[in-house]
Amino acid sequence: MEHYYRELVNFLSARLGSRQAAEDVAHDAYLRLLEYPGLQQVEHPRAFLYRTALNLVVDRHRRHQVRRAEPLEVLDQDECCYAAVTAPQVQTEQRLSLMQKALAELSQPCRDSFLLRKLEGLSHQQIAERLGISRSLVEKHIVNAMKHCRIRMRQWES
């Protein structure tokens, strides 16, 4: 499945008009694919990956439309922003802690590639230049980091 990555990013770039947005959607599509319980039974994995990515593009567009339509005053009226820590928030903090533990198990270049992409929003090319490695190695590191974290999170949560 990893060999479809560049092809998918190019496909999405043409639709989104932004390579960085396309890379974000492609990463999310790969994550969804890794989470899919019946992946071994998928008859056409490339088509499944593309359909997942296109669905994410539609979702992204819808979210963007909602954000543009909702006034900022809604935030002032939303009391949940001021609520005490709830069970879902505690659960999120626990998951974050597990994610940090999973990331600590990765090699430094793999972890750095993943964090530079997901936290700092750097492009693959920018990460490659910063770390002094090839762009394709950056892509492999990010995909491997996502796989590793997904596997470890499943192990620890069950």
C-alpha atoms as a PDB file:
ATOM      1  CA  MET A   1       0.000   0.000   0.000  1.00  0.00           C
ATOM      2  CA  GLU A   2       2.881   2.393   0.685  1.00  0.00           C
ATOM      3  CA  HIS A   3       3.846   2.459  -2.988  1.00  0.00           C
ATOM      4  CA  TYR A   4       0.601   4.326  -3.756  1.00  0.00           C
ATOM      5  CA  TYR A   5       1.517   7.230  -1.506  1.00  0.00           C
ATOM      6  CA  ARG A   6       3.054   9.639  -4.043  1.00  0.00           C
ATOM      7  CA  GLU A   7       0.437   8.792  -6.634  1.00  0.00           C
ATOM      8  CA  LEU A   8      -2.311   9.522  -4.100  1.00  0.00           C
ATOM      9  CA  VAL A   9      -0.707  12.806  -3.014  1.00  0.00           C
ATOM     10  CA  ASN A  10      -0.462  13.956  -6.644  1.00  0.00           C
ATOM     11  CA  PHE A  11      -4.099  12.974  -7.219  1.00  0.00           C
ATOM     12  CA  LEU A  12      -5.231  14.872  -4.117  1.00  0.00           C
ATOM     13  CA  SER A  13      -3.034  17.899  -4.875  1.00  0.00           C
ATOM     14  CA  ALA A  14      -4.870  18.391  -8.149  1.00  0.00           C
ATOM     15  CA  ARG A  15      -8.195  18.407  -6.309  1.00  0.00           C
ATOM     16  CA  LEU A  16      -7.198  20.432  -3.264  1.00  0.00           C
ATOM     17  CA  GLY A  17      -4.790  22.882  -4.877  1.00  0.00           C
ATOM     18  CA  SER A  18      -2.263  22.380  -2.080  1.00  0.00           C
ATOM     19  CA  ARG A  19       0.413  19.736  -1.746  1.00  0.00           C
ATOM     20  CA  GLN A  20       0.515  20.110   2.035  1.00  0.00           C
ATOM     21  CA  ALA A  21      -3.258  19.636   2.328  1.00  0.00           C
ATOM     22  CA  ALA A  22      -2.970  16.628   0.007  1.00  0.00           C
ATOM     23  CA  GLU A  23      -0.245  15.110   2.208  1.00  0.00           C
ATOM     24  CA  ASP A  24      -2.419  15.633   5.301  1.00  0.00           C
ATOM     25  CA  VAL A  25      -5.387  13.911   3.671  1.00  0.00           C
ATOM     26  CA  ALA A  26      -3.167  11.075   2.396  1.00  0.00           C
ATOM     27  CA  HIS A  27      -1.796  10.510   5.912  1.00  0.00           C
ATOM     28  CA  ASP A  28      -5.292  10.463   7.339  1.00  0.00           C
ATOM     29  CA  ALA A  29      -6.408   8.031   4.629  1.00  0.00           C
ATOM     30  CA  TYR A  30      -3.543   5.688   5.463  1.00  0.00           C
ATOM     31  CA  LEU A  31      -4.451   5.891   9.154  1.00  0.00           C
ATOM     32  CA  ARG A  32      -8.060   5.018   8.377  1.00  0.00           C
ATOM     33  CA  LEU A  33      -6.858   2.134   6.251  1.00  0.00           C
ATOM     34  CA  LEU A  34      -4.641   0.860   9.066  1.00  0.00           C
ATOM     35  CA  GLU A  35      -7.617   1.069  11.446  1.00  0.00           C
ATOM     36  CA  TYR A  36      -9.946  -0.807   9.114  1.00  0.00           C
ATOM     37  CA  PRO A  37     -10.603  -4.218  10.705  1.00  0.00           C
ATOM     38  CA  GLY A  38     -11.325  -6.068   7.448  1.00  0.00           C
ATOM     39  CA  LEU A  39      -8.306  -4.800   5.506  1.00  0.00           C
ATOM     40  CA  GLN A  40      -7.148  -8.311   4.553  1.00  0.00           C
ATOM     41  CA  GLN A  41     -10.512  -8.950   2.878  1.00  0.00           C
ATOM     42  CA  VAL A  42     -10.416  -5.781   0.747  1.00  0.00           C
ATOM     43  CA  GLU A  43     -10.375  -6.929  -2.851  1.00  0.00           C
ATOM     44  CA  HIS A  44      -9.011  -3.707  -4.392  1.00  0.00           C
ATOM     45  CA  PRO A  45      -6.840  -1.922  -1.785  1.00  0.00           C
ATOM     46  CA  ARG A  46      -5.819   0.910  -4.131  1.00  0.00           C
ATOM     47  CA  ALA A  47      -9.449   1.754  -4.909  1.00  0.00           C
ATOM     48  CA  PHE A  48     -10.321   1.491  -1.213  1.00  0.00           C
ATOM     49  CA  LEU A  49      -7.486   3.899  -0.350  1.00  0.00           C
ATOM     50  CA  TYR A  50      -8.595   6.412  -2.981  1.00  0.00           C
ATOM     51  CA  ARG A  51     -12.251   6.224  -1.903  1.00  0.00           C
ATOM     52  CA  THR A  52     -11.192   6.770   1.715  1.00  0.00           C
ATOM     53  CA  ALA A  53      -9.097   9.779   0.688  1.00  0.00           C
ATOM     54  CA  LEU A  54     -11.920  11.289  -1.375  1.00  0.00           C
ATOM     55  CA  ASN A  55     -14.321  10.841   1.543  1.00  0.00           C
ATOM     56  CA  LEU A  56     -11.839  12.694   3.746  1.00  0.00           C
ATOM     57  CA  VAL A  57     -11.658  15.516   1.187  1.00  0.00           C
ATOM     58  CA  VAL A  58     -15.452  15.818   1.301  1.00  0.00           C
ATOM     59  CA  ASP A  59     -15.402  15.799   5.128  1.00  0.00           C
ATOM     60  CA  ARG A  60     -12.665  18.436   5.138  1.00  0.00           C
ATOM     61  CA  HIS A  61     -14.701  20.623   2.777  1.00  0.00           C
ATOM     62  CA  ARG A  62     -17.812  20.280   4.956  1.00  0.00           C
ATOM     63  CA  ARG A  63     -15.887  21.193   8.117  1.00  0.00           C
ATOM     64  CA  HIS A  64     -14.446  24.221   6.356  1.00  0.00           C
ATOM     65  CA  GLN A  65     -17.937  25.332   5.287  1.00  0.00           C
ATOM     66  CA  VAL A  66     -19.263  24.993   8.847  1.00  0.00           C
ATOM     67  CA  ARG A  67     -16.336  26.977  10.287  1.00  0.00           C
ATOM     68  CA  ARG A  68     -16.925  29.792   7.817  1.00  0.00           C
ATOM     69  CA  ALA A  69     -20.643  29.894   8.561  1.00  0.00           C
ATOM     70  CA  GLU A  70     -20.481  29.847  12.376  1.00  0.00           C
ATOM     71  CA  PRO A  71     -19.822  33.208  14.075  1.00  0.00           C
ATOM     72  CA  LEU A  72     -17.069  33.534  16.675  1.00  0.00           C
ATOM     73  CA  GLU A  73     -19.590  34.638  19.296  1.00  0.00           C
ATOM     74  CA  VAL A  74     -20.692  31.009  19.554  1.00  0.00           C
ATOM     75  CA  LEU A  75     -17.464  30.319  21.422  1.00  0.00           C
ATOM     76  CA  ASP A  76     -18.343  32.859  24.099  1.00  0.00           C
ATOM     77  CA  GLN A  77     -21.723  31.232  24.649  1.00  0.00           C
ATOM     78  CA  ASP A  78     -20.382  27.688  24.729  1.00  0.00           C
ATOM     79  CA  GLU A  79     -20.168  26.685  28.368  1.00  0.00           C
ATOM     80  CA  CYS A  80     -18.329  23.452  27.649  1.00  0.00           C
ATOM     81  CA  CYS A  81     -15.171  25.517  27.281  1.00  0.00           C
ATOM     82  CA  TYR A  82     -15.380  26.313  30.991  1.00  0.00           C
ATOM     83  CA  ALA A  83     -16.511  22.923  32.278  1.00  0.00           C
ATOM     84  CA  ALA A  84     -14.446  20.864  34.701  1.00  0.00           C
ATOM     85  CA  VAL A  85     -12.315  17.995  33.423  1.00  0.00           C
ATOM     86  CA  THR A  86     -14.614  15.222  32.248  1.00  0.00           C
ATOM     87  CA  ALA A  87     -14.078  11.498  31.763  1.00  0.00           C
ATOM     88  CA  PRO A  88     -13.488  11.882  27.988  1.00  0.00           C
ATOM     89  CA  GLN A  89     -10.827  14.499  28.690  1.00  0.00           C
ATOM     90  CA  VAL A  90      -9.076  12.161  31.137  1.00  0.00           C
ATOM     91  CA  GLN A  91      -9.270   9.398  28.560  1.00  0.00           C
ATOM     92  CA  THR A  92      -7.738  11.723  25.968  1.00  0.00           C
ATOM     93  CA  GLU A  93      -4.894  12.552  28.326  1.00  0.00           C
ATOM     94  CA  GLN A  94      -4.271   8.855  28.928  1.00  0.00           C
ATOM     95  CA  ARG A  95      -4.222   8.185  25.188  1.00  0.00           C
ATOM     96  CA  LEU A  96      -1.805  11.072  24.715  1.00  0.00           C
ATOM     97  CA  SER A  97       0.473   9.556  27.333  1.00  0.00           C
ATOM     98  CA  LEU A  98       0.349   6.190  25.545  1.00  0.00           C
ATOM     99  CA  MET A  99       1.068   7.896  22.235  1.00  0.00           C
ATOM    100  CA  GLN A 100       4.131   9.583  23.739  1.00  0.00           C
ATOM    101  CA  LYS A 101       5.280   6.207  25.027  1.00  0.00           C
ATOM    102  CA  ALA A 102       4.847   4.652  21.546  1.00  0.00           C
ATOM    103  CA  LEU A 103       6.739   7.524  19.913  1.00  0.00           C
ATOM    104  CA  ALA A 104       9.590   7.070  22.401  1.00  0.00           C
ATOM    105  CA  GLU A 105      10.069   3.538  21.045  1.00  0.00           C
ATOM    106  CA  LEU A 106      10.817   4.821  17.532  1.00  0.00           C
ATOM    107  CA  SER A 107      14.233   5.660  16.148  1.00  0.00           C
ATOM    108  CA  GLN A 108      15.127   9.339  16.364  1.00  0.00           C
ATOM    109  CA  PRO A 109      14.798  10.049  12.598  1.00  0.00           C
ATOM    110  CA  CYS A 110      11.455   8.237  12.441  1.00  0.00           C
ATOM    111  CA  ARG A 111      10.088  10.104  15.477  1.00  0.00           C
ATOM    112  CA  ASP A 112      11.457  13.445  14.256  1.00  0.00           C
ATOM    113  CA  SER A 113       9.926  12.994  10.794  1.00  0.00           C
ATOM    114  CA  PHE A 114       6.539  12.198  12.286  1.00  0.00           C
ATOM    115  CA  LEU A 115       6.573  15.057  14.797  1.00  0.00           C
ATOM    116  CA  LEU A 116       7.844  17.648  12.302  1.00  0.00           C
ATOM    117  CA  ARG A 117       4.989  16.704   9.991  1.00  0.00           C
ATOM    118  CA  LYS A 118       2.165  16.366  12.494  1.00  0.00           C
ATOM    119  CA  LEU A 119       3.094  19.041  15.036  1.00  0.00           C
ATOM    120  CA  GLU A 120       4.962  21.635  13.007  1.00  0.00           C
ATOM    121  CA  GLY A 121       3.180  21.018   9.713  1.00  0.00           C
ATOM    122  CA  LEU A 122       6.358  20.884   7.645  1.00  0.00           C
ATOM    123  CA  SER A 123       6.208  19.408   4.158  1.00  0.00           C
ATOM    124  CA  HIS A 124       8.080  16.216   3.376  1.00  0.00           C
ATOM    125  CA  GLN A 125      10.656  18.226   1.446  1.00  0.00           C
ATOM    126  CA  GLN A 126      11.203  20.608   4.375  1.00  0.00           C
ATOM    127  CA  ILE A 127      11.628  17.682   6.759  1.00  0.00           C
ATOM    128  CA  ALA A 128      14.080  16.000   4.389  1.00  0.00           C
ATOM    129  CA  GLU A 129      16.157  19.174   4.212  1.00  0.00           C
ATOM    130  CA  ARG A 130      16.066  19.724   7.967  1.00  0.00           C
ATOM    131  CA  LEU A 131      17.050  16.125   8.779  1.00  0.00           C
ATOM    132  CA  GLY A 132      19.455  15.696   5.864  1.00  0.00           C
ATOM    133  CA  ILE A 133      17.671  12.630   4.473  1.00  0.00           C
ATOM    134  CA  SER A 134      15.778  11.879   1.272  1.00  0.00           C
ATOM    135  CA  ARG A 135      12.141  12.786   0.826  1.00  0.00           C
ATOM    136  CA  SER A 136      11.197   9.158   0.212  1.00  0.00           C
ATOM    137  CA  LEU A 137      12.847   8.186   3.502  1.00  0.00           C
ATOM    138  CA  VAL A 138      10.814  10.884   5.259  1.00  0.00           C
ATOM    139  CA  GLU A 139       7.637   9.398   3.761  1.00  0.00           C
ATOM    140  CA  LYS A 140       8.638   5.902   4.904  1.00  0.00           C
ATOM    141  CA  HIS A 141       9.456   7.156   8.398  1.00  0.00           C
ATOM    142  CA  ILE A 142       6.059   8.851   8.728  1.00  0.00           C
ATOM    143  CA  VAL A 143       4.126   5.816   7.524  1.00  0.00           C
ATOM    144  CA  ASN A 144       6.176   3.516   9.788  1.00  0.00           C
ATOM    145  CA  ALA A 145       5.588   5.813  12.763  1.00  0.00           C
ATOM    146  CA  MET A 146       1.840   5.792  12.121  1.00  0.00           C
ATOM    147  CA  LYS A 147       1.814   1.987  11.840  1.00  0.00           C
ATOM    148  CA  HIS A 148       3.877   1.548  14.997  1.00  0.00           C
ATOM    149  CA  CYS A 149       1.734   3.942  17.030  1.00  0.00           C
ATOM    150  CA  ARG A 150      -1.492   2.344  15.804  1.00  0.00           C
ATOM    151  CA  ILE A 151      -0.276  -1.161  16.728  1.00  0.00           C
ATOM    152  CA  ARG A 152       1.003  -0.119  20.156  1.00  0.00           C
ATOM    153  CA  MET A 153      -2.144   1.846  20.990  1.00  0.00           C
ATOM    154  CA  ARG A 154      -4.279  -1.191  20.135  1.00  0.00           C
ATOM    155  CA  GLN A 155      -2.083  -3.422  22.300  1.00  0.00           C
ATOM    156  CA  TRP A 156      -2.170  -1.115  25.288  1.00  0.00           C
ATOM    157  CA  GLU A 157      -5.857  -0.282  25.066  1.00  0.00           C
ATOM    158  CA  SER A 158      -7.023  -3.886  24.961  1.00  0.00           C
END
